[in-house]
Amino acid sequence: MEEDRYGLPLSTASTDAAAAYREGMDLLLAFWPGATDAFERAIMLDPDFALAHAARARIHAIYQQREPALQTIGRARKLVATGGTERERGHVAALSLAIEGRGAEALTSTLAHLASWPRDAMVMALPLGAFGLLAFSGRADHDAARRDLCDRFAADYGEDWWFMSNHGWALTEAGEVAKGRAITERSFALRRHNAYAVHALLHAMFEDGAVDEADALVEGWIGDYDRTGMLHGHICWHQALGALDRGDVAKALAVYTDVLVPTMDSAPPLNTLSDCASLLWRLTAEQQTVPPDAWTDLSDYANHRFTASSLAFVEMHLVMIAAATHDQAALKGRLAAVERRLAEGELPAGRIVPHMLRALRAFADGNWRGCARELAPVIRDLARIGGSHAQREVIEDTYILALIRSGALPQARDLLDARLHRRPSARDARWRALTDS
């Protein structure tokens, strides 16, 4: 019987279809271009190959192609019901729940499935990463939960390049930066064409304050990574963060105009939304001039792709856009919807969300005291919105600048001292100097 790259049986009689599926697995797990073609080739070679359909549905979902994703995963469910193994049925069930947006059920299904088949990497991937089921669960401890999950199954994977890139990043996000970076570097050495490992290394360097090292990593590696790669723009976004730390606004703007904008139609929409909105917000917050019409162009992009949202992480970036463009109708509508979902118990991240959204609106209006007042009671709960530490830090930055501009210098000083104790940052040092004035 044919097997996947982790030795698990595949219900296909086609050797070529199985080979195409294994190739697609490698490419998808590495976030490398070509996975879509590989899975479609597997389906062409064996139209009844359920897991190939499931993998193709997963890519549809990453690119927020909801109807094709639902149709394709539906096809996988029908096929696996009559011709699949127990493992394959559980595999498809977990992916189905995730694709349908039933996050809590998907996480429960995933963890139960992994207890029996820990090396089912396509399912293991679901709870991991900054946009995974754990990150978007609303849990304040999701970073630790990801680390614990990887610790639990590390022996099952051994020196596997994909698993180590996830394990390393999970450790980094949970505060074990040196250990996480070392594991990620081993992963990268095993497979350099692994955008996921590069991304995880950039997060470790971010936590270390190694801005120049991160910039050199990207410059020396990005040439082999096509712009259609899922993480191409986001990896360059990390360069922009480093540029802002150094005070190089021109380079940060160049990343926006030369990389992020041209790849809007090829990058996963959630990456585009969060990368573009947060970078523009950081620039605007530091009172830098952004490209003409940048905010309105981004608003048009978001309005076409995020007509409905249930994630606090998405709401955060949509409200950045609405606040920056002073779209009062959008702000009112988003806040009302969030308050309603909170009252109905449908907002996993809880009360932090309306506080955060009102704070962003106040900041955009120059109401520094109002912004600080909204964020003060929830600033330690930022993890609940999901994403990575580097992505969530934009809210902490907003809070610090609001404190400085409202004259609450001791509070801003304490926050900056804590950040500088954790990692060196030229930008934080510049802000810290402002609190002594």
Protein backbone atom coordinates (compact mmCIF):
# COMPACT_ATOMS: atom_id res chain seq x y z
CA MET A 1 0.00 0.00 0.00
CA GLU A 2 1.19 3.51 -0.78
CA GLU A 3 2.27 5.76 2.12
CA ASP A 4 2.60 9.47 2.79
CA ARG A 5 5.96 11.03 3.69
CA TYR A 6 5.45 10.04 7.34
CA GLY A 7 4.79 6.36 6.65
CA LEU A 8 0.99 6.49 6.97
CA PRO A 9 -1.03 4.38 4.47
CA LEU A 10 -2.77 6.13 1.58
CA SER A 11 -5.93 4.79 -0.06
CA THR A 12 -4.83 5.08 -3.66
CA ALA A 13 -3.76 2.42 -6.10
CA SER A 14 -1.80 4.94 -8.17
CA THR A 15 1.91 5.10 -7.43
CA ASP A 16 2.13 8.37 -9.35
CA ALA A 17 -0.78 9.92 -7.45
CA ALA A 18 0.82 9.00 -4.13
CA ALA A 19 4.13 10.49 -5.27
CA ALA A 20 2.39 13.73 -6.29
CA TYR A 21 0.64 13.85 -2.92
CA ARG A 22 3.93 13.40 -1.04
CA GLU A 23 5.46 16.17 -3.14
CA GLY A 24 2.51 18.43 -2.37
CA MET A 25 2.85 17.68 1.34
CA ASP A 26 6.49 18.74 1.34
CA LEU A 27 5.74 21.95 -0.55
CA LEU A 28 2.73 22.90 1.55
CA LEU A 29 4.46 22.18 4.85
CA ALA A 30 7.42 24.28 3.69
CA PHE A 31 5.08 27.03 2.41
CA TRP A 32 6.82 26.65 -0.94
CA PRO A 33 5.20 27.29 -4.35
CA GLY A 34 3.91 24.31 -6.28
CA ALA A 35 1.76 22.51 -3.71
CA THR A 36 -1.47 23.32 -5.54
CA ASP A 37 -0.18 21.85 -8.80
CA ALA A 38 1.04 18.72 -7.02
CA PHE A 39 -2.28 18.03 -5.31
CA GLU A 40 -4.23 18.72 -8.49
CA ARG A 41 -1.95 16.30 -10.33
CA ALA A 42 -2.65 13.67 -7.67
CA ILE A 43 -6.39 14.21 -8.14
CA MET A 44 -6.06 13.95 -11.93
CA LEU A 45 -4.15 10.67 -11.60
CA ASP A 46 -6.68 9.27 -9.12
CA PRO A 47 -9.98 11.20 -8.92
CA ASP A 48 -11.05 9.03 -5.95
CA PHE A 49 -7.99 9.92 -3.84
CA ALA A 50 -9.74 11.47 -0.83
CA LEU A 51 -6.71 12.94 0.96
CA ALA A 52 -5.57 14.73 -2.19
CA HIS A 53 -8.97 16.46 -2.33
CA ALA A 54 -8.67 17.32 1.37
CA ALA A 55 -5.24 18.86 0.88
CA ARG A 56 -6.48 20.89 -2.09
CA ALA A 57 -9.38 22.12 0.04
CA ARG A 58 -6.90 23.21 2.70
CA ILE A 59 -5.12 25.45 0.20
CA HIS A 60 -8.45 26.89 -0.97
CA ALA A 61 -9.16 27.73 2.68
CA ILE A 62 -5.77 29.39 3.21
CA TYR A 63 -6.59 31.70 0.31
CA GLN A 64 -10.13 32.26 1.64
CA GLN A 65 -11.76 30.66 -1.37
CA ARG A 66 -14.64 29.50 0.78
CA GLU A 67 -16.99 27.93 -1.74
CA PRO A 68 -14.30 25.91 -3.57
CA ALA A 69 -12.91 24.85 -0.19
CA LEU A 70 -16.29 23.59 1.02
CA GLN A 71 -17.01 21.81 -2.25
CA THR A 72 -13.61 20.12 -2.33
CA ILE A 73 -13.63 19.00 1.29
CA GLY A 74 -17.18 17.76 0.73
CA ARG A 75 -15.88 15.57 -2.09
CA ALA A 76 -13.17 14.24 0.24
CA ARG A 77 -15.76 13.38 2.90
CA LYS A 78 -17.85 11.37 0.44
CA LEU A 79 -14.84 9.48 -0.86
CA VAL A 80 -13.35 8.67 2.51
CA ALA A 81 -16.69 7.47 3.88
CA THR A 82 -16.72 4.54 1.48
CA GLY A 83 -13.09 3.93 0.61
CA GLY A 84 -10.90 5.28 3.38
CA THR A 85 -9.21 3.96 6.48
CA GLU A 86 -10.11 5.05 10.00
CA ARG A 87 -7.08 7.35 10.01
CA GLU A 88 -8.11 8.95 6.74
CA ARG A 89 -11.68 9.49 7.97
CA GLY A 90 -10.38 11.23 11.08
CA HIS A 91 -7.96 13.28 8.95
CA VAL A 92 -10.72 14.52 6.68
CA ALA A 93 -13.07 15.17 9.62
CA ALA A 94 -10.54 17.43 11.35
CA LEU A 95 -9.78 19.37 8.17
CA SER A 96 -13.49 19.70 7.43
CA LEU A 97 -14.24 21.31 10.79
CA ALA A 98 -11.32 23.72 10.39
CA ILE A 99 -12.34 24.69 6.85
CA GLU A 100 -15.95 25.22 7.95
CA GLY A 101 -14.73 27.68 10.60
CA ARG A 102 -15.78 25.54 13.57
CA GLY A 103 -12.60 26.25 15.47
CA ALA A 104 -13.34 24.78 18.89
CA GLU A 105 -14.72 21.55 17.41
CA ALA A 106 -11.82 21.35 14.98
CA LEU A 107 -9.31 21.66 17.81
CA THR A 108 -11.04 18.91 19.82
CA SER A 109 -11.16 16.65 16.77
CA THR A 110 -7.54 17.37 15.92
CA LEU A 111 -6.19 16.57 19.38
CA ALA A 112 -8.21 13.35 19.56
CA HIS A 113 -6.93 12.32 16.13
CA LEU A 114 -3.29 13.03 17.01
CA ALA A 115 -3.54 10.85 20.10
CA SER A 116 -3.89 7.89 17.73
CA TRP A 117 -1.92 9.13 14.71
CA PRO A 118 0.66 11.67 15.94
CA ARG A 119 2.58 11.57 12.65
CA ASP A 120 -0.39 12.78 10.61
CA ALA A 121 1.42 16.01 9.84
CA MET A 122 -1.33 17.63 7.77
CA VAL A 123 -3.56 17.41 10.85
CA MET A 124 -0.75 18.30 13.26
CA ALA A 125 -0.29 21.53 11.32
CA LEU A 126 -3.82 22.72 12.12
CA PRO A 127 -3.28 23.81 15.74
CA LEU A 128 0.23 25.21 15.16
CA GLY A 129 1.47 28.56 13.91
CA ALA A 130 0.31 32.12 14.45
CA PHE A 131 -2.91 31.52 12.50
CA GLY A 132 -3.61 28.01 13.80
CA LEU A 133 -6.47 26.61 15.85
CA LEU A 134 -4.68 27.24 19.15
CA ALA A 135 -3.67 30.82 18.28
CA PHE A 136 -7.25 31.69 17.35
CA SER A 137 -8.84 29.80 20.23
CA GLY A 138 -9.05 32.88 22.46
CA ARG A 139 -6.83 31.20 25.04
CA ALA A 140 -4.38 33.43 26.86
CA ASP A 141 -1.99 30.48 27.12
CA HIS A 142 -2.03 29.41 23.49
CA ASP A 143 1.72 29.95 23.06
CA ALA A 144 2.44 27.57 25.94
CA ALA A 145 -0.16 25.14 24.61
CA ARG A 146 1.59 25.00 21.23
CA ARG A 147 4.93 24.42 22.93
CA ASP A 148 3.47 21.66 25.09
CA LEU A 149 1.85 19.99 22.08
CA CYS A 150 5.16 19.97 20.20
CA ASP A 151 7.05 18.75 23.28
CA ARG A 152 4.55 15.91 23.59
CA PHE A 153 5.05 14.63 20.05
CA ALA A 154 8.70 15.52 19.45
CA ALA A 155 9.84 11.91 19.86
CA ASP A 156 7.36 10.80 17.19
CA TYR A 157 8.98 13.08 14.61
CA GLY A 158 12.65 12.99 15.54
CA GLU A 159 14.89 15.11 13.30
CA ASP A 160 12.13 16.00 10.86
CA TRP A 161 12.66 19.36 9.17
CA TRP A 162 8.99 20.34 9.19
CA PHE A 163 8.24 19.41 12.77
CA MET A 164 11.39 21.03 14.09
CA SER A 165 10.54 24.34 12.41
CA ASN A 166 7.21 24.29 14.25
CA HIS A 167 8.67 23.08 17.53
CA GLY A 168 11.37 25.73 17.43
CA TRP A 169 8.92 28.53 16.74
CA ALA A 170 6.53 27.31 19.44
CA LEU A 171 9.36 27.39 21.98
CA THR A 172 10.35 30.88 20.82
CA GLU A 173 6.84 32.26 21.19
CA ALA A 174 6.53 30.64 24.63
CA GLY A 175 9.64 32.52 25.82
CA GLU A 176 12.30 29.81 25.37
CA VAL A 177 14.06 31.77 22.64
CA ALA A 178 17.54 30.25 22.74
CA LYS A 179 16.24 26.69 22.69
CA GLY A 180 13.65 27.52 20.04
CA ARG A 181 16.19 29.20 17.79
CA ALA A 182 18.62 26.28 18.02
CA ILE A 183 15.94 23.77 16.97
CA THR A 184 14.77 26.05 14.14
CA GLU A 185 18.33 26.41 12.86
CA ARG A 186 18.65 22.61 12.73
CA SER A 187 15.44 22.49 10.73
CA PHE A 188 16.68 25.13 8.30
CA ALA A 189 19.97 23.28 7.81
CA LEU A 190 18.04 20.17 6.77
CA ARG A 191 15.96 21.99 4.14
CA ARG A 192 16.84 25.50 3.05
CA HIS A 193 13.84 25.71 0.72
CA ASN A 194 11.63 25.94 3.78
CA ALA A 195 9.96 29.31 4.14
CA TYR A 196 8.36 28.21 7.38
CA ALA A 197 11.77 27.70 9.01
CA VAL A 198 13.04 31.07 7.76
CA HIS A 199 9.94 32.70 9.16
CA ALA A 200 10.41 30.96 12.51
CA LEU A 201 14.05 32.09 12.60
CA LEU A 202 12.98 35.67 11.97
CA HIS A 203 10.70 35.47 15.00
CA ALA A 204 13.57 34.18 17.13
CA MET A 205 15.75 37.04 15.90
CA PHE A 206 12.94 39.49 16.63
CA GLU A 207 12.78 38.25 20.22
CA ASP A 208 16.59 38.48 20.46
CA GLY A 209 16.65 42.02 19.08
CA ALA A 210 18.95 40.73 16.31
CA VAL A 211 17.71 43.21 13.69
CA ASP A 212 20.79 43.23 11.46
CA GLU A 213 21.07 39.45 11.54
CA ALA A 214 17.44 39.11 10.50
CA ASP A 215 17.94 41.55 7.64
CA ALA A 216 20.97 39.62 6.42
CA LEU A 217 19.05 36.32 6.59
CA VAL A 218 16.29 37.68 4.37
CA GLU A 219 18.68 39.33 1.90
CA GLY A 220 20.72 36.15 1.53
CA TRP A 221 17.76 33.80 1.18
CA ILE A 222 14.78 35.55 -0.43
CA GLY A 223 16.19 35.37 -3.95
CA ASP A 224 15.31 31.68 -4.15
CA TYR A 225 11.73 32.25 -3.03
CA ASP A 226 9.23 33.19 -5.69
CA ARG A 227 6.89 36.09 -4.95
CA THR A 228 3.96 33.70 -5.21
CA GLY A 229 5.18 31.89 -2.09
CA MET A 230 2.67 32.11 0.76
CA LEU A 231 5.14 33.80 3.10
CA HIS A 232 7.09 35.96 0.65
CA GLY A 233 5.44 39.24 1.60
CA HIS A 234 5.32 38.40 5.29
CA ILE A 235 9.03 37.56 5.41
CA CYS A 236 9.74 40.96 3.85
CA TRP A 237 7.35 42.52 6.38
CA HIS A 238 9.77 41.32 9.05
CA GLN A 239 12.47 43.30 7.26
CA ALA A 240 10.24 46.36 7.46
CA LEU A 241 9.92 45.91 11.24
CA GLY A 242 13.70 45.82 11.49
CA ALA A 243 13.96 48.95 9.37
CA LEU A 244 11.54 50.78 11.67
CA ASP A 245 13.61 49.70 14.66
CA ARG A 246 16.66 51.30 13.06
CA GLY A 247 14.69 54.40 12.12
CA ASP A 248 14.95 53.63 8.39
CA VAL A 249 11.48 54.73 7.35
CA ALA A 250 12.39 54.76 3.64
CA LYS A 251 13.18 51.04 3.67
CA ALA A 252 9.99 50.21 5.56
CA LEU A 253 7.98 52.16 3.00
CA ALA A 254 9.83 50.41 0.17
CA VAL A 255 8.75 47.04 1.53
CA TYR A 256 5.17 48.24 1.46
CA THR A 257 5.21 49.68 -2.05
CA ASP A 258 7.64 47.27 -3.74
CA VAL A 259 6.66 43.97 -2.10
CA LEU A 260 3.39 44.01 -0.18
CA VAL A 261 1.23 45.96 -2.63
CA PRO A 262 2.33 44.08 -5.79
CA THR A 263 1.64 40.69 -4.18
CA MET A 264 -1.80 41.53 -2.80
CA ASP A 265 -3.53 39.31 -5.34
CA SER A 266 -1.20 36.34 -4.87
CA ALA A 267 -0.66 36.25 -1.09
CA PRO A 268 -3.13 34.68 1.36
CA PRO A 269 -5.62 37.47 2.23
CA LEU A 270 -5.07 37.21 5.98
CA ASN A 271 -1.36 37.80 5.50
CA THR A 272 -1.99 40.74 3.19
CA LEU A 273 -4.52 42.33 5.54
CA SER A 274 -2.40 41.99 8.67
CA ASP A 275 0.95 42.86 7.06
CA CYS A 276 -0.31 45.92 5.21
CA ALA A 277 -2.59 47.32 7.91
CA SER A 278 -0.14 46.86 10.76
CA LEU A 279 2.80 48.32 8.82
CA LEU A 280 0.79 51.37 7.75
CA TRP A 281 -0.49 51.74 11.32
CA ARG A 282 3.04 51.64 12.73
CA LEU A 283 4.19 54.26 10.25
CA THR A 284 1.19 56.49 10.87
CA ALA A 285 1.50 56.09 14.65
CA GLU A 286 5.07 57.35 14.44
CA GLN A 287 3.73 60.30 12.42
CA GLN A 288 5.41 59.23 9.18
CA THR A 289 3.91 59.97 5.78
CA VAL A 290 2.48 56.91 4.06
CA PRO A 291 1.88 56.59 0.30
CA PRO A 292 -1.09 58.61 -1.01
CA ASP A 293 -4.32 56.60 -0.97
CA ALA A 294 -2.59 53.66 0.76
CA TRP A 295 -5.25 53.41 3.45
CA THR A 296 -8.17 53.78 1.05
CA ASP A 297 -6.69 51.23 -1.37
CA LEU A 298 -6.27 48.80 1.52
CA SER A 299 -9.83 49.52 2.63
CA ASP A 300 -11.09 48.56 -0.85
CA TYR A 301 -9.05 45.35 -0.69
CA ALA A 302 -10.40 44.40 2.74
CA ASN A 303 -14.02 45.24 1.91
CA HIS A 304 -13.96 42.72 -0.94
CA ARG A 305 -12.36 39.90 1.02
CA PHE A 306 -13.49 40.25 4.63
CA THR A 307 -17.23 40.71 4.42
CA ALA A 308 -17.75 38.62 7.55
CA SER A 309 -15.32 38.04 10.39
CA SER A 310 -15.34 36.08 13.61
CA LEU A 311 -11.67 36.45 14.56
CA ALA A 312 -10.41 39.11 16.95
CA PHE A 313 -7.15 39.25 14.97
CA VAL A 314 -9.04 40.14 11.80
CA GLU A 315 -11.23 42.69 13.59
CA MET A 316 -8.13 44.42 14.93
CA HIS A 317 -6.77 45.07 11.46
CA LEU A 318 -10.12 45.98 9.92
CA VAL A 319 -10.63 48.58 12.63
CA MET A 320 -7.13 49.96 12.03
CA ILE A 321 -8.22 50.61 8.45
CA ALA A 322 -11.58 52.10 9.41
CA ALA A 323 -10.00 54.29 12.10
CA ALA A 324 -7.21 55.52 9.82
CA THR A 325 -9.73 56.41 7.09
CA HIS A 326 -12.17 57.86 9.68
CA ASP A 327 -14.92 55.62 8.36
CA GLN A 328 -17.37 56.25 11.18
CA ALA A 329 -20.06 53.99 9.76
CA ALA A 330 -17.66 51.04 9.54
CA LEU A 331 -16.34 51.69 13.04
CA LYS A 332 -19.81 51.87 14.51
CA GLY A 333 -20.91 48.70 12.71
CA ARG A 334 -17.83 46.68 13.69
CA LEU A 335 -18.01 47.74 17.33
CA ALA A 336 -21.73 46.96 17.52
CA ALA A 337 -21.19 43.52 15.98
CA VAL A 338 -18.35 42.74 18.39
CA GLU A 339 -20.39 43.83 21.42
CA ARG A 340 -23.28 41.66 20.24
CA ARG A 341 -21.08 38.60 19.77
CA LEU A 342 -19.49 39.19 23.16
CA ALA A 343 -22.91 39.34 24.83
CA GLU A 344 -23.92 36.12 23.07
CA GLY A 345 -20.75 34.31 24.15
CA GLU A 346 -19.49 33.99 20.57
CA LEU A 347 -16.22 35.91 20.96
CA PRO A 348 -13.47 33.55 22.19
CA ALA A 349 -11.02 36.40 22.86
CA GLY A 350 -13.56 38.02 25.18
CA ARG A 351 -13.66 41.57 26.50
CA ILE A 352 -10.25 42.55 25.17
CA VAL A 353 -11.73 42.96 21.68
CA PRO A 354 -14.13 45.91 22.18
CA HIS A 355 -11.55 47.65 24.40
CA MET A 356 -8.90 47.22 21.70
CA LEU A 357 -11.17 48.44 18.91
CA ARG A 358 -12.27 51.54 20.84
CA ALA A 359 -8.62 52.25 21.66
CA LEU A 360 -7.62 52.14 18.00
CA ARG A 361 -10.44 54.55 17.14
CA ALA A 362 -9.37 56.91 19.93
CA PHE A 363 -5.73 56.80 18.84
CA ALA A 364 -6.61 57.66 15.25
CA ASP A 365 -8.65 60.61 16.54
CA GLY A 366 -5.71 61.87 18.62
CA ASN A 367 -7.52 61.03 21.85
CA TRP A 368 -4.43 59.72 23.65
CA ARG A 369 -6.00 59.55 27.10
CA GLY A 370 -9.02 57.71 25.74
CA CYS A 371 -6.80 55.20 23.96
CA ALA A 372 -4.72 54.55 27.08
CA ARG A 373 -7.83 54.28 29.24
CA GLU A 374 -9.32 51.60 26.96
CA LEU A 375 -6.15 49.51 26.78
CA ALA A 376 -5.05 49.74 30.42
CA PRO A 377 -7.36 46.99 31.75
CA VAL A 378 -6.62 44.53 28.93
CA ILE A 379 -3.03 45.21 27.87
CA ARG A 380 -1.79 42.01 29.56
CA ASP A 381 -4.37 39.92 27.68
CA LEU A 382 -3.12 40.62 24.16
CA ALA A 383 -2.24 36.98 23.54
CA ARG A 384 -5.95 36.19 23.37
CA ILE A 385 -6.30 37.90 19.98
CA GLY A 386 -3.99 35.36 18.32
CA GLY A 387 -1.24 35.93 15.81
CA SER A 388 2.40 36.10 16.88
CA HIS A 389 4.07 38.25 19.52
CA ALA A 390 5.60 40.38 16.76
CA GLN A 391 2.14 40.96 15.27
CA ARG A 392 0.43 41.70 18.59
CA GLU A 393 3.12 44.15 19.63
CA VAL A 394 1.53 46.82 17.45
CA ILE A 395 -1.18 47.19 20.10
CA GLU A 396 1.37 47.53 22.89
CA ASP A 397 3.20 50.11 20.74
CA THR A 398 -0.05 52.02 20.36
CA TYR A 399 -0.55 51.98 24.13
CA ILE A 400 2.99 53.21 24.84
CA LEU A 401 2.72 56.08 22.36
CA ALA A 402 -0.68 57.02 23.78
CA LEU A 403 0.82 57.10 27.28
CA ILE A 404 3.74 59.26 26.16
CA ARG A 405 1.55 61.71 24.26
CA SER A 406 -0.96 61.96 27.10
CA GLY A 407 1.81 62.76 29.57
CA ALA A 408 1.64 59.44 31.46
CA LEU A 409 5.41 59.14 31.31
CA PRO A 410 6.04 56.89 34.35
CA GLN A 411 3.72 54.20 32.99
CA ALA A 412 5.31 54.38 29.54
CA ARG A 413 8.77 54.26 31.10
CA ASP A 414 7.94 51.10 33.05
CA LEU A 415 6.66 49.31 29.95
CA LEU A 416 9.67 50.34 27.88
CA ASP A 417 12.12 49.34 30.61
CA ALA A 418 10.51 45.90 30.71
CA ARG A 419 10.77 45.54 26.93
CA LEU A 420 14.37 46.73 26.84
CA HIS A 421 15.24 44.29 29.59
CA ARG A 422 13.82 41.48 27.46
CA ARG A 423 15.53 42.47 24.21
CA PRO A 424 17.56 45.37 22.78
CA SER A 425 15.64 47.75 20.54
CA ALA A 426 16.89 51.04 19.12
CA ARG A 427 13.31 52.21 18.64
CA ASP A 428 12.33 51.42 22.21
CA ALA A 429 15.45 53.24 23.39
CA ARG A 430 14.37 56.31 21.39
CA TRP A 431 10.90 56.14 22.93
CA ARG A 432 12.40 55.59 26.36
CA ALA A 433 14.37 58.84 25.99
CA LEU A 434 11.11 60.68 25.43
CA THR A 435 9.88 59.62 28.88
CA ASP A 436 12.81 61.47 30.51
CA SER A 437 11.86 64.80 28.98
